[in-house]
Amino acid sequence: FGENYVQEAQGKWPGWRDRFEGVSVHMIGPLQSNKAKAAVQLFDAIHTLDRASLARKLATQVQQQGRSPQLFVQVNTGDEPQKAGILADELPGFLSQCRDLGLNAHGLMCIPPEDQDPVPHFRLLRGLAERNGLALLSMGMSADFEAAIAEGATHVRIGSAIFGARDYG
């Protein structure tokens, strides 16, 4: 199961984990550095490792808690200034920084630009993962998950296809 917000996960997942053995909870929304402690406590995977400052905070929490969620580095495949994520050409250096902090990335994540064909972005992410020895790919959402699966996605985010559009009101 995926969650976009740490606060929402804190409200429901501890109880659900007690009731449903084997449930895996993934952080799929943006993660603020000040929520790193809670994220490491709550989540089995974090799909949005997108900057060095967050890597440092997560590394501190992993060491303090002795618990390490699977980590996916968010890559800004569209080089969009308004979007979070590591640029493709900066990925090897960022992965090295993470390893130096004691963090092991397990995979990569991307959200392609809305106004572009997602397939080239999925292919770019898959190539980056292959070149960097990463096995997991978090890519594809409700509108494009089939193309993402065809390009090698191991994780897709399809909440609105299952639950409908989110009501923010």
Protein backbone atom coordinates (compact mmCIF):
# COMPACT_ATOMS: atom_id res chain seq x y z
CA PHE A 1 0.00 0.00 0.00
CA GLY A 2 1.18 3.50 -0.73
CA GLU A 3 0.72 6.68 1.25
CA ASN A 4 1.30 10.26 0.12
CA TYR A 5 1.48 11.85 3.55
CA VAL A 6 3.31 10.84 6.73
CA GLN A 7 0.54 12.28 8.92
CA GLU A 8 -2.14 10.13 7.26
CA ALA A 9 0.01 7.02 7.62
CA GLN A 10 0.60 7.77 11.30
CA GLY A 11 -3.15 7.87 11.85
CA LYS A 12 -4.03 4.53 10.35
CA TRP A 13 -1.13 2.17 9.67
CA PRO A 14 0.08 1.26 13.15
CA GLY A 15 -3.36 -0.21 13.96
CA TRP A 16 -3.76 -1.84 10.57
CA ARG A 17 -0.36 -3.48 10.84
CA ASP A 18 -1.48 -5.09 14.09
CA ARG A 19 -4.61 -6.43 12.37
CA PHE A 20 -3.13 -7.45 8.99
CA GLU A 21 0.13 -9.37 9.17
CA GLY A 22 2.55 -8.88 6.30
CA VAL A 23 1.20 -5.52 5.09
CA SER A 24 3.91 -3.46 3.41
CA VAL A 25 3.54 0.33 3.49
CA HIS A 26 5.34 2.58 0.98
CA MET A 27 5.85 6.35 1.16
CA ILE A 28 5.09 7.56 -2.35
CA GLY A 29 4.55 11.27 -1.73
CA PRO A 30 7.13 14.00 -1.18
CA LEU A 31 8.98 13.61 2.10
CA GLN A 32 9.92 16.62 4.19
CA SER A 33 13.21 16.31 6.05
CA ASN A 34 11.51 17.01 9.37
CA LYS A 35 9.37 13.88 8.86
CA ALA A 36 12.36 11.54 8.35
CA LYS A 37 12.14 10.04 11.84
CA ALA A 38 8.47 9.13 11.45
CA ALA A 39 9.03 7.89 7.90
CA VAL A 40 11.75 5.46 8.94
CA GLN A 41 9.50 4.20 11.77
CA LEU A 42 6.40 3.77 9.60
CA PHE A 43 7.39 2.81 6.10
CA ASP A 44 8.84 -0.34 4.56
CA ALA A 45 9.88 1.65 1.48
CA ILE A 46 10.39 5.32 0.65
CA HIS A 47 10.03 6.15 -3.05
CA THR A 48 10.92 9.83 -2.86
CA LEU A 49 14.56 10.20 -1.83
CA ASP A 50 15.22 13.32 -3.88
CA ARG A 51 18.00 15.40 -2.29
CA ALA A 52 21.18 15.22 -0.23
CA SER A 53 19.69 16.90 2.84
CA LEU A 54 16.97 14.24 3.01
CA ALA A 55 19.56 11.48 2.55
CA ARG A 56 21.49 12.83 5.56
CA LYS A 57 18.34 12.93 7.71
CA LEU A 58 17.32 9.42 6.67
CA ALA A 59 20.84 8.10 7.34
CA THR A 60 20.74 9.54 10.86
CA GLN A 61 17.38 7.92 11.53
CA VAL A 62 18.39 4.57 10.04
CA GLN A 63 21.41 4.52 12.35
CA GLN A 64 19.42 5.60 15.42
CA GLN A 65 16.49 3.27 14.85
CA GLY A 66 18.35 0.29 13.43
CA ARG A 67 15.65 0.04 10.77
CA SER A 68 16.19 0.68 7.08
CA PRO A 69 13.30 0.97 4.62
CA GLN A 70 13.90 0.19 0.96
CA LEU A 71 14.92 3.41 -0.74
CA PHE A 72 14.05 4.61 -4.23
CA VAL A 73 15.84 7.67 -5.59
CA GLN A 74 13.46 10.03 -7.36
CA VAL A 75 14.89 11.04 -10.73
CA ASN A 76 13.63 14.16 -12.49
CA THR A 77 13.69 12.59 -15.96
CA GLY A 78 12.06 15.63 -17.58
CA ASP A 79 14.56 18.08 -16.08
CA GLU A 80 11.56 20.07 -14.85
CA PRO A 81 12.57 22.95 -12.53
CA GLN A 82 9.30 22.76 -10.57
CA LYS A 83 9.72 19.04 -9.84
CA ALA A 84 11.74 17.32 -7.18
CA GLY A 85 14.31 14.70 -8.01
CA ILE A 86 17.91 14.11 -8.92
CA LEU A 87 18.86 14.95 -12.51
CA ALA A 88 19.89 11.92 -14.55
CA ASP A 89 23.50 13.05 -15.00
CA GLU A 90 23.83 13.64 -11.23
CA LEU A 91 22.55 10.19 -10.26
CA PRO A 92 25.88 8.29 -10.00
CA GLY A 93 27.31 10.95 -7.68
CA PHE A 94 24.16 11.03 -5.57
CA LEU A 95 24.15 7.23 -5.21
CA SER A 96 27.77 7.42 -4.10
CA GLN A 97 26.87 10.05 -1.49
CA CYS A 98 24.08 7.80 -0.23
CA ARG A 99 26.44 4.83 0.10
CA ASP A 100 28.93 7.02 1.99
CA LEU A 101 26.11 7.80 4.44
CA GLY A 102 25.35 4.10 4.88
CA LEU A 103 22.20 4.19 2.74
CA ASN A 104 21.62 1.65 -0.01
CA ALA A 105 19.25 2.63 -2.76
CA HIS A 106 17.21 -0.31 -4.02
CA GLY A 107 15.63 1.39 -7.00
CA LEU A 108 14.62 4.51 -8.87
CA MET A 109 11.35 6.41 -9.22
CA CYS A 110 10.12 8.95 -11.74
CA ILE A 111 7.02 10.94 -12.59
CA PRO A 112 7.21 11.92 -16.27
CA PRO A 113 6.03 15.36 -17.42
CA GLU A 114 2.25 15.40 -17.83
CA ASP A 115 2.41 16.83 -21.35
CA GLN A 116 4.83 14.24 -22.77
CA ASP A 117 4.79 10.62 -23.80
CA PRO A 118 5.90 8.78 -20.65
CA VAL A 119 7.60 5.88 -22.45
CA PRO A 120 10.93 7.65 -23.15
CA HIS A 121 11.07 8.63 -19.47
CA PHE A 122 10.39 5.06 -18.36
CA ARG A 123 13.12 3.82 -20.71
CA LEU A 124 15.56 6.42 -19.40
CA LEU A 125 14.84 5.37 -15.82
CA ARG A 126 15.26 1.68 -16.67
CA GLY A 127 18.61 2.40 -18.35
CA LEU A 128 19.79 4.42 -15.34
CA ALA A 129 18.81 1.59 -13.02
CA GLU A 130 20.62 -0.98 -15.16
CA ARG A 131 23.80 1.13 -15.34
CA ASN A 132 23.77 1.63 -11.58
CA GLY A 133 22.93 -1.95 -10.59
CA LEU A 134 19.47 -1.19 -9.20
CA ALA A 135 16.70 -3.75 -9.56
CA LEU A 136 13.53 -1.86 -8.63
CA LEU A 137 11.62 0.68 -10.72
CA SER A 138 8.77 2.75 -9.31
CA MET A 139 7.14 4.33 -12.35
CA GLY A 140 3.69 4.66 -13.78
CA MET A 141 0.47 5.97 -12.34
CA SER A 142 -3.20 5.36 -13.08
CA ALA A 143 -3.04 6.93 -16.56
CA ASP A 144 0.15 5.22 -17.77
CA PHE A 145 0.84 2.18 -15.58
CA GLU A 146 0.41 -0.29 -18.44
CA ALA A 147 3.21 1.40 -20.42
CA ALA A 148 5.33 1.50 -17.26
CA ILE A 149 4.88 -2.24 -16.70
CA ALA A 150 5.80 -2.89 -20.33
CA GLU A 151 9.01 -0.91 -19.72
CA GLY A 152 9.95 -2.85 -16.58
CA ALA A 153 8.16 -1.20 -13.65
CA THR A 154 8.28 -3.24 -10.46
CA HIS A 155 6.03 -0.79 -8.58
CA VAL A 156 3.16 1.34 -9.93
CA ARG A 157 1.04 3.99 -8.23
CA ILE A 158 -2.60 3.43 -9.20
CA GLY A 159 -4.61 4.90 -6.33
CA SER A 160 -7.01 6.99 -8.39
CA ALA A 161 -7.73 4.04 -10.71
CA ILE A 162 -8.82 2.05 -7.66
CA PHE A 163 -10.28 4.67 -5.32
CA GLY A 164 -11.18 7.51 -7.70
CA ALA A 165 -9.80 11.03 -7.73
CA ARG A 166 -8.69 12.33 -4.36
CA ASP A 167 -10.92 14.99 -2.78
CA TYR A 168 -8.70 17.70 -1.30
CA GLY A 169 -11.63 19.79 -0.08
